[in-house]
C-alpha cells in the first residue's frame, strides 16, 4: 500500500484533447493527448495522481451523431457522457502508458450525485455542440425539444449543469490510489445521477468538470488540486496593458478580484473552495508546465 505520496487531483481542460478549430478526428485527439500525457506522467514521481478531463466537443458530437440515426430513439445525455468517459479515458490511459510503461493506470466510469431540486434544472445554461444562426437553432429546438440560448452572435443548445454533491465511486478511487494506481475518473464532470430508494438513475445534464474535480479533491482530502488550462497564470486585467499575473496568493486576497464568468472565474472559485475546506493548495496554470507548477516555478497558487 502506498499512502506516503500526497494526493494530487488534476483537471485537464479541453485544450488537451482538441485545439480550437481542429477537425474532431481520432488522429488529432491522439496527438494532443500524447502531449498532455508527457506532461502528466512527470507528476507521478512525487504524487498519487487523479486525472479529470473535459468532454465538451466530444459529447456535442455524439449528441449530433445520435440524432442522425433515426431508426432508434436518441440516448439521453448521461449515457452519452458515459460513452465519452470510456473513449477519452481509454485514449488518455494509452497515452500515459507510453511515458509510464511500468505503472498501473486505471480509468473509472464515474457517477456523481446531484440534487433534483437544483435550480439548474429550471434554467439550463451549459452550452454543448456547435453554434447555429437564430432561425436554425429555433428550428432544431422545436424538432428535438432542445433548450437554446444566444452565445455571442450565435445560438447553441443548452442543458442543465447542476452542482455535484458527491462521487459515488469514491471508495474505489481511494483504494486504487492507495495501491499506487494513476486514476482517470469523473470525465466530462461524471455521469449525473439522482439517488432514491431504488438506487440511482441518470438525469439529462452535464456537470462542470472543474466543479466535479474540486468535489473529488475534497472527498479525497487531497493535498493539492491543479487546474490545467491555456494560460501560465491567473491574471488581473487579462489582455490589457495593465495585465498582472497572480503568483502565490491567499483565498481572501484573490477574492478581491473579478474574473471572466465563462472561463477563469469558475476555476478560481473551485480552487478557493478546495483550499478553504481542506487547507490544501489550489494551483492554476499551463498544461505544458504541469511539473513546473508543482515545483512552484510557474502557475498561480491559492491557499488559505
C-alpha atoms as a PDB file:
ATOM      1  CA  UNK A   1       0.000   0.000   0.000  1.00  0.00           C
ATOM      2  CA  UNK A   2       1.320   3.439  -0.936  1.00  0.00           C
ATOM      3  CA  UNK A   3      -0.070   6.167   1.284  1.00  0.00           C
ATOM      4  CA  UNK A   4       3.097   8.241   1.609  1.00  0.00           C
ATOM      5  CA  UNK A   5       2.966  10.380  -1.529  1.00  0.00           C
ATOM      6  CA  UNK A   6       0.453  13.267  -1.335  1.00  0.00           C
ATOM      7  CA  UNK A   7      -2.684  13.116  -3.484  1.00  0.00           C
ATOM      8  CA  UNK A   8      -2.904  15.466  -6.463  1.00  0.00           C
ATOM      9  CA  UNK A   9      -6.179  15.879  -8.363  1.00  0.00           C
ATOM     10  CA  UNK A  10      -5.608  17.298 -11.866  1.00  0.00           C
ATOM     11  CA  UNK A  11      -8.363  18.823 -14.010  1.00  0.00           C
ATOM     12  CA  UNK A  12      -7.327  18.842 -17.671  1.00  0.00           C
ATOM     13  CA  UNK A  13      -9.041  21.349 -19.951  1.00  0.00           C
ATOM     14  CA  UNK A  14     -10.383  20.674 -23.412  1.00  0.00           C
ATOM     15  CA  UNK A  15      -7.212  22.087 -24.987  1.00  0.00           C
ATOM     16  CA  UNK A  16      -5.508  18.819 -24.032  1.00  0.00           C
ATOM     17  CA  UNK A  17      -7.838  16.917 -26.350  1.00  0.00           C
ATOM     18  CA  UNK A  18      -8.674  19.241 -29.210  1.00  0.00           C
ATOM     19  CA  UNK A  19      -7.337  22.638 -30.268  1.00  0.00           C
ATOM     20  CA  UNK A  20      -9.921  25.245 -31.212  1.00  0.00           C
ATOM     21  CA  UNK A  21     -10.827  24.935 -34.886  1.00  0.00           C
ATOM     22  CA  UNK A  22      -9.278  21.486 -35.344  1.00  0.00           C
ATOM     23  CA  UNK A  23     -11.152  18.669 -37.037  1.00  0.00           C
ATOM     24  CA  UNK A  24     -12.520  16.373 -34.336  1.00  0.00           C
ATOM     25  CA  UNK A  25     -10.705  13.321 -35.659  1.00  0.00           C
ATOM     26  CA  UNK A  26      -9.171  10.470 -33.707  1.00  0.00           C
ATOM     27  CA  UNK A  27      -5.730  11.358 -35.081  1.00  0.00           C
ATOM     28  CA  UNK A  28      -5.902  14.971 -33.889  1.00  0.00           C
ATOM     29  CA  UNK A  29      -7.120  13.986 -30.430  1.00  0.00           C
ATOM     30  CA  UNK A  30      -4.495  11.248 -30.104  1.00  0.00           C
ATOM     31  CA  UNK A  31      -1.739  13.719 -30.999  1.00  0.00           C
ATOM     32  CA  UNK A  32      -2.926  16.265 -28.428  1.00  0.00           C
ATOM     33  CA  UNK A  33      -3.372  13.608 -25.749  1.00  0.00           C
ATOM     34  CA  UNK A  34       0.205  12.458 -26.333  1.00  0.00           C
ATOM     35  CA  UNK A  35       1.402  15.982 -25.485  1.00  0.00           C
ATOM     36  CA  UNK A  36      -0.788  16.041 -22.376  1.00  0.00           C
ATOM     37  CA  UNK A  37       0.337  12.578 -21.273  1.00  0.00           C
ATOM     38  CA  UNK A  38       4.011  13.506 -21.453  1.00  0.00           C
ATOM     39  CA  UNK A  39       3.342  16.422 -19.071  1.00  0.00           C
ATOM     40  CA  UNK A  40       1.059  14.486 -16.704  1.00  0.00           C
ATOM     41  CA  UNK A  41       3.359  11.481 -16.418  1.00  0.00           C
ATOM     42  CA  UNK A  42       6.048  13.583 -14.704  1.00  0.00           C
ATOM     43  CA  UNK A  43       3.671  14.357 -11.832  1.00  0.00           C
ATOM     44  CA  UNK A  44       3.528  10.723 -10.726  1.00  0.00           C
ATOM     45  CA  UNK A  45       7.113  10.884  -9.469  1.00  0.00           C
ATOM     46  CA  UNK A  46       6.061  12.898  -6.432  1.00  0.00           C
ATOM     47  CA  UNK A  47       2.285  12.477  -6.188  1.00  0.00           C
ATOM     48  CA  UNK A  48      -0.543   9.971  -6.297  1.00  0.00           C
ATOM     49  CA  UNK A  49      -2.294  11.416  -9.336  1.00  0.00           C
ATOM     50  CA  UNK A  50      -6.000  11.527 -10.205  1.00  0.00           C
ATOM     51  CA  UNK A  51      -6.900  12.936 -13.645  1.00  0.00           C
ATOM     52  CA  UNK A  52     -10.243  14.530 -14.523  1.00  0.00           C
ATOM     53  CA  UNK A  53     -10.790  15.514 -18.170  1.00  0.00           C
ATOM     54  CA  UNK A  54     -13.290  17.564 -20.146  1.00  0.00           C
ATOM     55  CA  UNK A  55     -15.610  16.245 -22.878  1.00  0.00           C
ATOM     56  CA  UNK A  56     -17.445  19.280 -24.306  1.00  0.00           C
ATOM     57  CA  UNK A  57     -16.644  18.822 -28.015  1.00  0.00           C
ATOM     58  CA  UNK A  58     -16.941  15.038 -27.834  1.00  0.00           C
ATOM     59  CA  UNK A  59     -20.335  14.903 -26.110  1.00  0.00           C
ATOM     60  CA  UNK A  60     -21.662  17.549 -28.509  1.00  0.00           C
ATOM     61  CA  UNK A  61     -20.530  15.480 -31.484  1.00  0.00           C
ATOM     62  CA  UNK A  62     -22.060  12.305 -30.042  1.00  0.00           C
ATOM     63  CA  UNK A  63     -25.353  14.103 -29.486  1.00  0.00           C
ATOM     64  CA  UNK A  64     -25.469  15.107 -33.161  1.00  0.00           C
ATOM     65  CA  UNK A  65     -24.478  11.629 -34.372  1.00  0.00           C
ATOM     66  CA  UNK A  66     -27.117  10.263 -32.031  1.00  0.00           C
ATOM     67  CA  UNK A  67     -29.827  12.314 -33.748  1.00  0.00           C
ATOM     68  CA  UNK A  68     -28.617  11.427 -37.246  1.00  0.00           C
ATOM     69  CA  UNK A  69     -29.602   7.764 -36.828  1.00  0.00           C
ATOM     70  CA  UNK A  70     -33.398   7.765 -36.926  1.00  0.00           C
ATOM     71  CA  UNK A  71     -34.073   4.020 -36.638  1.00  0.00           C
ATOM     72  CA  UNK A  72     -33.728   4.190 -32.838  1.00  0.00           C
ATOM     73  CA  UNK A  73     -34.617   6.870 -30.287  1.00  0.00           C
ATOM     74  CA  UNK A  74     -31.697   9.087 -29.163  1.00  0.00           C
ATOM     75  CA  UNK A  75     -29.816   8.192 -25.987  1.00  0.00           C
ATOM     76  CA  UNK A  76     -30.016  10.590 -23.017  1.00  0.00           C
ATOM     77  CA  UNK A  77     -27.195  12.983 -22.151  1.00  0.00           C
ATOM     78  CA  UNK A  78     -25.918  11.000 -19.142  1.00  0.00           C
ATOM     79  CA  UNK A  79     -25.428   7.930 -21.346  1.00  0.00           C
ATOM     80  CA  UNK A  80     -23.543   9.986 -23.925  1.00  0.00           C
ATOM     81  CA  UNK A  81     -21.389  11.284 -21.076  1.00  0.00           C
ATOM     82  CA  UNK A  82     -20.615   7.697 -20.101  1.00  0.00           C
ATOM     83  CA  UNK A  83     -19.598   6.978 -23.691  1.00  0.00           C
ATOM     84  CA  UNK A  84     -17.144   9.879 -23.704  1.00  0.00           C
ATOM     85  CA  UNK A  85     -15.716   8.793 -20.337  1.00  0.00           C
ATOM     86  CA  UNK A  86     -14.898   5.431 -21.886  1.00  0.00           C
ATOM     87  CA  UNK A  87     -13.486   6.845 -25.107  1.00  0.00           C
ATOM     88  CA  UNK A  88     -11.357   9.626 -23.645  1.00  0.00           C
ATOM     89  CA  UNK A  89     -10.300   7.591 -20.607  1.00  0.00           C
ATOM     90  CA  UNK A  90      -9.080   4.864 -22.954  1.00  0.00           C
ATOM     91  CA  UNK A  91      -7.086   7.337 -25.039  1.00  0.00           C
ATOM     92  CA  UNK A  92      -5.514   9.052 -22.016  1.00  0.00           C
ATOM     93  CA  UNK A  93      -4.586   5.689 -20.474  1.00  0.00           C
ATOM     94  CA  UNK A  94      -2.906   4.657 -23.725  1.00  0.00           C
ATOM     95  CA  UNK A  95      -1.037   7.951 -23.849  1.00  0.00           C
ATOM     96  CA  UNK A  96       0.175   7.661 -20.246  1.00  0.00           C
ATOM     97  CA  UNK A  97       1.442   4.092 -20.723  1.00  0.00           C
ATOM     98  CA  UNK A  98       3.844   5.375 -23.364  1.00  0.00           C
ATOM     99  CA  UNK A  99       5.559   7.513 -20.704  1.00  0.00           C
ATOM    100  CA  UNK A 100       4.811   5.318 -17.655  1.00  0.00           C
ATOM    101  CA  UNK A 101       5.320   1.774 -19.008  1.00  0.00           C
ATOM    102  CA  UNK A 102       5.752   0.159 -15.594  1.00  0.00           C
ATOM    103  CA  UNK A 103       2.888   1.940 -13.829  1.00  0.00           C
ATOM    104  CA  UNK A 104      -0.689   0.933 -13.045  1.00  0.00           C
ATOM    105  CA  UNK A 105      -3.182   3.178 -14.837  1.00  0.00           C
ATOM    106  CA  UNK A 106      -6.916   2.716 -14.324  1.00  0.00           C
ATOM    107  CA  UNK A 107      -9.902   4.542 -15.787  1.00  0.00           C
ATOM    108  CA  UNK A 108     -13.063   4.528 -13.645  1.00  0.00           C
ATOM    109  CA  UNK A 109     -16.534   5.171 -15.074  1.00  0.00           C
ATOM    110  CA  UNK A 110     -17.833   7.655 -12.514  1.00  0.00           C
ATOM    111  CA  UNK A 111     -21.329   8.608 -11.350  1.00  0.00           C
ATOM    112  CA  UNK A 112     -21.914  11.855  -9.457  1.00  0.00           C
ATOM    113  CA  UNK A 113     -24.988  12.547  -7.341  1.00  0.00           C
ATOM    114  CA  UNK A 114     -26.890  15.777  -7.934  1.00  0.00           C
ATOM    115  CA  UNK A 115     -29.989  17.303  -6.339  1.00  0.00           C
ATOM    116  CA  UNK A 116     -33.306  17.087  -8.219  1.00  0.00           C
ATOM    117  CA  UNK A 117     -34.208  20.474  -6.690  1.00  0.00           C
ATOM    118  CA  UNK A 118     -31.055  22.129  -8.081  1.00  0.00           C
ATOM    119  CA  UNK A 119     -32.140  25.398  -9.765  1.00  0.00           C
ATOM    120  CA  UNK A 120     -30.000  24.490 -12.795  1.00  0.00           C
ATOM    121  CA  UNK A 121     -32.744  22.130 -13.990  1.00  0.00           C
ATOM    122  CA  UNK A 122     -35.116  25.083 -14.313  1.00  0.00           C
ATOM    123  CA  UNK A 123     -32.509  27.250 -16.045  1.00  0.00           C
ATOM    124  CA  UNK A 124     -30.264  25.262 -18.426  1.00  0.00           C
ATOM    125  CA  UNK A 125     -27.080  27.218 -19.178  1.00  0.00           C
ATOM    126  CA  UNK A 126     -24.382  24.710 -20.160  1.00  0.00           C
ATOM    127  CA  UNK A 127     -23.569  25.128 -23.872  1.00  0.00           C
ATOM    128  CA  UNK A 128     -22.923  21.962 -25.857  1.00  0.00           C
ATOM    129  CA  UNK A 129     -22.450  21.188 -29.526  1.00  0.00           C
ATOM    130  CA  UNK A 130     -21.969  23.576 -32.468  1.00  0.00           C
ATOM    131  CA  UNK A 131     -23.236  27.127 -32.986  1.00  0.00           C
ATOM    132  CA  UNK A 132     -26.221  27.997 -35.204  1.00  0.00           C
ATOM    133  CA  UNK A 133     -27.892  31.103 -36.545  1.00  0.00           C
ATOM    134  CA  UNK A 134     -31.073  32.024 -34.678  1.00  0.00           C
ATOM    135  CA  UNK A 135     -33.564  30.575 -37.166  1.00  0.00           C
ATOM    136  CA  UNK A 136     -31.732  27.251 -37.469  1.00  0.00           C
ATOM    137  CA  UNK A 137     -31.395  26.989 -33.692  1.00  0.00           C
ATOM    138  CA  UNK A 138     -35.111  27.595 -33.171  1.00  0.00           C
ATOM    139  CA  UNK A 139     -35.946  25.051 -35.856  1.00  0.00           C
ATOM    140  CA  UNK A 140     -33.786  22.429 -34.132  1.00  0.00           C
ATOM    141  CA  UNK A 141     -35.228  23.378 -30.755  1.00  0.00           C
ATOM    142  CA  UNK A 142     -38.748  22.642 -31.968  1.00  0.00           C
ATOM    143  CA  UNK A 143     -37.735  19.457 -33.756  1.00  0.00           C
ATOM    144  CA  UNK A 144     -35.646  17.940 -30.938  1.00  0.00           C
ATOM    145  CA  UNK A 145     -37.203  19.619 -27.858  1.00  0.00           C
ATOM    146  CA  UNK A 146     -33.911  21.392 -27.099  1.00  0.00           C
ATOM    147  CA  UNK A 147     -33.399  24.371 -24.833  1.00  0.00           C
ATOM    148  CA  UNK A 148     -31.401  27.022 -26.710  1.00  0.00           C
ATOM    149  CA  UNK A 149     -29.755  30.318 -25.782  1.00  0.00           C
ATOM    150  CA  UNK A 150     -27.704  33.002 -27.538  1.00  0.00           C
ATOM    151  CA  UNK A 151     -23.943  32.503 -27.395  1.00  0.00           C
ATOM    152  CA  UNK A 152     -22.334  35.718 -28.646  1.00  0.00           C
ATOM    153  CA  UNK A 153     -23.522  36.308 -32.216  1.00  0.00           C
ATOM    154  CA  UNK A 154     -24.884  32.752 -32.492  1.00  0.00           C
ATOM    155  CA  UNK A 155     -27.218  30.335 -30.723  1.00  0.00           C
ATOM    156  CA  UNK A 156     -26.446  26.958 -29.158  1.00  0.00           C
ATOM    157  CA  UNK A 157     -28.110  24.124 -27.336  1.00  0.00           C
ATOM    158  CA  UNK A 158     -28.011  24.350 -23.543  1.00  0.00           C
ATOM    159  CA  UNK A 159     -28.519  21.650 -20.918  1.00  0.00           C
ATOM    160  CA  UNK A 160     -28.741  21.862 -17.113  1.00  0.00           C
ATOM    161  CA  UNK A 161     -25.442  21.976 -15.195  1.00  0.00           C
ATOM    162  CA  UNK A 162     -26.256  21.080 -11.570  1.00  0.00           C
ATOM    163  CA  UNK A 163     -23.825  21.277  -8.664  1.00  0.00           C
ATOM    164  CA  UNK A 164     -22.026  17.986  -7.894  1.00  0.00           C
ATOM    165  CA  UNK A 165     -22.812  16.631  -4.422  1.00  0.00           C
ATOM    166  CA  UNK A 166     -20.660  13.512  -4.117  1.00  0.00           C
ATOM    167  CA  UNK A 167     -18.772  10.951  -6.209  1.00  0.00           C
ATOM    168  CA  UNK A 168     -20.381   7.528  -5.817  1.00  0.00           C
ATOM    169  CA  UNK A 169     -17.203   5.596  -6.681  1.00  0.00           C
ATOM    170  CA  UNK A 170     -15.037   7.477  -4.169  1.00  0.00           C
ATOM    171  CA  UNK A 171     -14.077   4.338  -2.192  1.00  0.00           C
ATOM    172  CA  UNK A 172     -12.924   2.600  -5.378  1.00  0.00           C
ATOM    173  CA  UNK A 173     -10.832   5.624  -6.378  1.00  0.00           C
ATOM    174  CA  UNK A 174      -9.272   5.836  -2.906  1.00  0.00           C
ATOM    175  CA  UNK A 175      -8.418   2.115  -2.939  1.00  0.00           C
ATOM    176  CA  UNK A 176      -6.733   2.433  -6.338  1.00  0.00           C
ATOM    177  CA  UNK A 177      -4.683   5.415  -5.167  1.00  0.00           C
ATOM    178  CA  UNK A 178      -3.557   3.535  -2.078  1.00  0.00           C
ATOM    179  CA  UNK A 179      -2.421   0.726  -4.398  1.00  0.00           C
ATOM    180  CA  UNK A 180      -0.315   3.272  -6.363  1.00  0.00           C
ATOM    181  CA  UNK A 181      -2.565   3.463  -9.439  1.00  0.00           C
ATOM    182  CA  UNK A 182      -2.812   6.595 -11.527  1.00  0.00           C
ATOM    183  CA  UNK A 183      -6.579   7.071 -11.781  1.00  0.00           C
ATOM    184  CA  UNK A 184      -8.625   8.668 -14.573  1.00  0.00           C
ATOM    185  CA  UNK A 185     -12.169   9.461 -13.383  1.00  0.00           C
ATOM    186  CA  UNK A 186     -15.063  11.968 -13.353  1.00  0.00           C
ATOM    187  CA  UNK A 187     -14.528  12.506 -17.086  1.00  0.00           C
ATOM    188  CA  UNK A 188     -16.585  15.351 -18.509  1.00  0.00           C
ATOM    189  CA  UNK A 189     -17.803  16.081 -14.985  1.00  0.00           C
ATOM    190  CA  UNK A 190     -19.008  12.500 -14.499  1.00  0.00           C
ATOM    191  CA  UNK A 191     -22.439  10.987 -15.164  1.00  0.00           C
ATOM    192  CA  UNK A 192     -25.074  12.999 -13.236  1.00  0.00           C
ATOM    193  CA  UNK A 193     -27.460  10.765 -11.265  1.00  0.00           C
ATOM    194  CA  UNK A 194     -30.332  11.176  -8.805  1.00  0.00           C
ATOM    195  CA  UNK A 195     -30.407   8.870  -5.800  1.00  0.00           C
ATOM    196  CA  UNK A 196     -33.637   7.444  -4.420  1.00  0.00           C
ATOM    197  CA  UNK A 197     -34.898   4.410  -2.503  1.00  0.00           C
ATOM    198  CA  UNK A 198     -34.462   2.199  -5.578  1.00  0.00           C
ATOM    199  CA  UNK A 199     -30.839   3.180  -6.225  1.00  0.00           C
ATOM    200  CA  UNK A 200     -29.891   5.867  -8.732  1.00  0.00           C
ATOM    201  CA  UNK A 201     -30.931   6.965 -12.206  1.00  0.00           C
ATOM    202  CA  UNK A 202     -29.305   9.169 -14.785  1.00  0.00           C
ATOM    203  CA  UNK A 203     -30.506  12.679 -15.494  1.00  0.00           C
ATOM    204  CA  UNK A 204     -30.286  14.856 -18.620  1.00  0.00           C
ATOM    205  CA  UNK A 205     -27.483  17.218 -17.608  1.00  0.00           C
ATOM    206  CA  UNK A 206     -23.743  17.934 -17.858  1.00  0.00           C
ATOM    207  CA  UNK A 207     -21.765  18.748 -14.688  1.00  0.00           C
ATOM    208  CA  UNK A 208     -18.936  21.284 -14.846  1.00  0.00           C
ATOM    209  CA  UNK A 209     -15.636  19.398 -14.968  1.00  0.00           C
ATOM    210  CA  UNK A 210     -13.752  21.745 -12.646  1.00  0.00           C
ATOM    211  CA  UNK A 211     -16.500  21.591 -10.007  1.00  0.00           C
ATOM    212  CA  UNK A 212     -16.527  17.791 -10.154  1.00  0.00           C
ATOM    213  CA  UNK A 213     -12.744  17.721  -9.845  1.00  0.00           C
ATOM    214  CA  UNK A 214     -12.923  20.044  -6.830  1.00  0.00           C
ATOM    215  CA  UNK A 215     -15.588  17.839  -5.223  1.00  0.00           C
ATOM    216  CA  UNK A 216     -13.382  14.810  -5.822  1.00  0.00           C
ATOM    217  CA  UNK A 217     -10.358  16.566  -4.309  1.00  0.00           C
ATOM    218  CA  UNK A 218     -12.366  17.495  -1.221  1.00  0.00           C
ATOM    219  CA  UNK A 219     -13.773  13.975  -0.769  1.00  0.00           C
ATOM    220  CA  UNK A 220     -10.265  12.514  -1.065  1.00  0.00           C
ATOM    221  CA  UNK A 221      -8.912  15.199   1.292  1.00  0.00           C
ATOM    222  CA  UNK A 222      -6.198  15.738  -1.315  1.00  0.00           C
ATOM    223  CA  UNK A 223      -3.234  17.929  -0.513  1.00  0.00           C
ATOM    224  CA  UNK A 224      -3.221  19.556  -3.962  1.00  0.00           C
ATOM    225  CA  UNK A 225      -5.752  20.456  -6.663  1.00  0.00           C
ATOM    226  CA  UNK A 226      -4.379  21.504 -10.065  1.00  0.00           C
ATOM    227  CA  UNK A 227      -6.412  23.017 -12.912  1.00  0.00           C
ATOM    228  CA  UNK A 228      -4.541  22.992 -16.227  1.00  0.00           C
ATOM    229  CA  UNK A 229      -5.583  25.458 -18.909  1.00  0.00           C
ATOM    230  CA  UNK A 230      -4.180  27.581 -21.768  1.00  0.00           C
ATOM    231  CA  UNK A 231      -2.511  30.316 -19.716  1.00  0.00           C
ATOM    232  CA  UNK A 232       0.534  30.259 -17.478  1.00  0.00           C
ATOM    233  CA  UNK A 233      -1.136  32.225 -14.665  1.00  0.00           C
ATOM    234  CA  UNK A 234      -4.369  33.713 -13.403  1.00  0.00           C
ATOM    235  CA  UNK A 235      -4.101  37.378 -14.397  1.00  0.00           C
ATOM    236  CA  UNK A 236      -5.732  40.590 -13.266  1.00  0.00           C
ATOM    237  CA  UNK A 237      -6.814  42.818 -16.211  1.00  0.00           C
ATOM    238  CA  UNK A 238      -6.160  39.977 -18.638  1.00  0.00           C
ATOM    239  CA  UNK A 239      -5.465  41.200 -22.179  1.00  0.00           C
ATOM    240  CA  UNK A 240      -4.993  44.826 -21.114  1.00  0.00           C
ATOM    241  CA  UNK A 241      -1.770  46.869 -20.843  1.00  0.00           C
ATOM    242  CA  UNK A 242      -2.218  46.698 -17.051  1.00  0.00           C
ATOM    243  CA  UNK A 243      -2.299  42.876 -17.041  1.00  0.00           C
ATOM    244  CA  UNK A 244      -0.646  41.406 -13.945  1.00  0.00           C
ATOM    245  CA  UNK A 245      -0.095  37.715 -13.145  1.00  0.00           C
ATOM    246  CA  UNK A 246      -1.006  36.412  -9.709  1.00  0.00           C
ATOM    247  CA  UNK A 247       1.555  34.009  -8.233  1.00  0.00           C
ATOM    248  CA  UNK A 248       1.304  32.993  -4.572  1.00  0.00           C
ATOM    249  CA  UNK A 249      -1.965  34.332  -3.144  1.00  0.00           C
ATOM    250  CA  UNK A 250      -4.453  33.692  -0.351  1.00  0.00           C
ATOM    251  CA  UNK A 251      -8.160  32.985  -0.794  1.00  0.00           C
ATOM    252  CA  UNK A 252      -9.021  36.333   0.801  1.00  0.00           C
ATOM    253  CA  UNK A 253      -6.640  38.222  -1.473  1.00  0.00           C
ATOM    254  CA  UNK A 254      -7.792  36.657  -4.760  1.00  0.00           C
ATOM    255  CA  UNK A 255     -11.441  37.076  -3.754  1.00  0.00           C
ATOM    256  CA  UNK A 256     -10.997  40.844  -4.138  1.00  0.00           C
ATOM    257  CA  UNK A 257     -10.621  40.487  -7.913  1.00  0.00           C
ATOM    258  CA  UNK A 258     -13.207  39.817 -10.631  1.00  0.00           C
ATOM    259  CA  UNK A 259     -12.546  37.279 -13.389  1.00  0.00           C
ATOM    260  CA  UNK A 260     -14.373  36.276 -16.574  1.00  0.00           C
ATOM    261  CA  UNK A 261     -17.527  34.361 -15.663  1.00  0.00           C
ATOM    262  CA  UNK A 262     -17.285  31.903 -18.536  1.00  0.00           C
ATOM    263  CA  UNK A 263     -13.628  30.985 -18.208  1.00  0.00           C
ATOM    264  CA  UNK A 264     -11.351  31.850 -15.270  1.00  0.00           C
ATOM    265  CA  UNK A 265     -13.907  32.702 -12.553  1.00  0.00           C
ATOM    266  CA  UNK A 266     -15.177  29.120 -12.001  1.00  0.00           C
ATOM    267  CA  UNK A 267     -11.596  27.830 -11.889  1.00  0.00           C
ATOM    268  CA  UNK A 268     -10.609  30.359  -9.230  1.00  0.00           C
ATOM    269  CA  UNK A 269     -13.805  29.645  -7.280  1.00  0.00           C
ATOM    270  CA  UNK A 270     -13.158  25.896  -7.381  1.00  0.00           C
ATOM    271  CA  UNK A 271      -9.600  26.327  -6.078  1.00  0.00           C
ATOM    272  CA  UNK A 272     -10.734  28.705  -3.336  1.00  0.00           C
ATOM    273  CA  UNK A 273     -13.430  26.321  -2.092  1.00  0.00           C
ATOM    274  CA  UNK A 274     -10.952  23.458  -2.109  1.00  0.00           C
ATOM    275  CA  UNK A 275      -8.374  25.444  -0.131  1.00  0.00           C
ATOM    276  CA  UNK A 276     -10.942  26.586   2.425  1.00  0.00           C
ATOM    277  CA  UNK A 277     -12.371  23.125   3.032  1.00  0.00           C
ATOM    278  CA  UNK A 278      -9.162  21.084   3.081  1.00  0.00           C
ATOM    279  CA  UNK A 279      -6.365  23.571   3.898  1.00  0.00           C
ATOM    280  CA  UNK A 280      -4.722  22.225   0.730  1.00  0.00           C
ATOM    281  CA  UNK A 281      -3.356  24.310  -2.136  1.00  0.00           C
ATOM    282  CA  UNK A 282      -5.154  25.038  -5.409  1.00  0.00           C
ATOM    283  CA  UNK A 283      -2.981  25.581  -8.492  1.00  0.00           C
ATOM    284  CA  UNK A 284      -3.885  27.006 -11.918  1.00  0.00           C
ATOM    285  CA  UNK A 285      -1.532  27.077 -14.887  1.00  0.00           C
ATOM    286  CA  UNK A 286      -0.481  25.792 -18.288  1.00  0.00           C
ATOM    287  CA  UNK A 287      -0.776  22.149 -19.264  1.00  0.00           C
ATOM    288  CA  UNK A 288       2.718  22.292 -20.772  1.00  0.00           C
ATOM    289  CA  UNK A 289       4.195  23.405 -17.433  1.00  0.00           C
ATOM    290  CA  UNK A 290       2.433  20.944 -15.120  1.00  0.00           C
ATOM    291  CA  UNK A 291       5.637  19.734 -13.479  1.00  0.00           C
ATOM    292  CA  UNK A 292       6.997  23.289 -13.086  1.00  0.00           C
ATOM    293  CA  UNK A 293       3.735  24.374 -11.456  1.00  0.00           C
ATOM    294  CA  UNK A 294       4.020  21.661  -8.810  1.00  0.00           C
ATOM    295  CA  UNK A 295       7.641  22.709  -8.234  1.00  0.00           C
ATOM    296  CA  UNK A 296       6.426  26.297  -7.643  1.00  0.00           C
ATOM    297  CA  UNK A 297       8.257  27.526 -10.742  1.00  0.00           C
ATOM    298  CA  UNK A 298       5.104  28.516 -12.665  1.00  0.00           C
ATOM    299  CA  UNK A 299       1.387  28.978 -12.201  1.00  0.00           C
ATOM    300  CA  UNK A 300      -0.906  30.617  -9.639  1.00  0.00           C
ATOM    301  CA  UNK A 301      -1.037  29.032  -6.171  1.00  0.00           C
ATOM    302  CA  UNK A 302      -4.082  29.665  -3.964  1.00  0.00           C
ATOM    303  CA  UNK A 303      -4.115  28.838  -0.245  1.00  0.00           C
ATOM    304  CA  UNK A 304      -5.771  29.978   2.996  1.00  0.00           C
END
